[in-house]
Amino acid sequence: MTNKTNELIKQFSPQPINIPINKCELEEVIESLISLMFPICDCPESMNIQDGLLEAAEKLHTNISSLHNKQAADEKTEAFFQKFPSLQKQLYDDAACYLKYDPAAKTLEEVIITYPGFYALCAYRIAHEIYLLGLPLISRLFSEYAHSKVGIDIHPAAQIGKNLFMDHGTGIVIGETSEIGNNVKIYQGVTLGALYVEKKLSDLKRHPTVEDNVVIYANATILGGETVIGHNSTIGGGAWLTQSVIPFSLVYNSVDVKIRTVKNFIQPNDFVI
């Protein structure tokens, strides 16, 4: 390394950013909450689950205290852990849904340990409860941590019903004001987004509503806050939707696919002049 590089580094003086929470500590919290909710993941046998949860609760409480006063932190931390058992039950039901619908899934343990869609759903359900407690910064940090790990972007403010099945999952985007009903199946690359982005729309519903029992195949894009996908509909792969469809709809692109055999085909002579 040259002397000039040394001088440049010594001259660098970053502007401090006042971040009231500890990002690394909160990432440990979301990892701990998921691991301790499902001890088959990577929880050491020697770790007592209650002790682990107490440690996570203390870190969460400390970070909430930096945003609010101690009394508010006490109340919000207690309110979250009151929901923790029901969260665990809901997520076990979600995992059972993966096992039911994916022929590649052989056991519940396989779903919990290996499925990126299930991991993202765990982080979302935890982050959503934190969001409802009036902690948008911490909830967004939780969801973005999951996003960085599995490539699935679910805003913690989105409203998602029971048994969301995200197969493969990579590239799924579910925007802030999305509403998803029960028993919905979404495949990789699906976007539930806004028609356009302007700051003045921040308090409006910008993302679609997907009703119960809808299937959305890979790389479909559904946009707009007034767009409603009626229940029991199927959206084909690669579809682009900016308007509502009635229940029991089948939406797909018309693609002209040509197939020919190459067996015993004599390649033409190539002349280069």
Foldseek 3Di string as FASTA:
>chain_A
DDPVVVVVVVPDDDDDDDDLADLVLLLVLLVLLLCLLPVVADPDPPDDSVVSNVVSLVNQLSSVCSVPPNVLSVVLSVVLVVCSVVLSVLLLQLLVLQCVPDPVDDDSSCSSHPFLVSSLVSLLVSLLSSVVSVNQVSSQSSNVSSCVVQQAHERSQEAEEGREAEHSRHQEHHDNDEYEEYPEYEYEQEYFEFPDDDPVCPPPQGTEYEYAQEYEYHNEYETGRAEYEAYNEYEDHNHYYDHYDHHPYYHDDDDDDDDDDCPPPDDDDDDDD
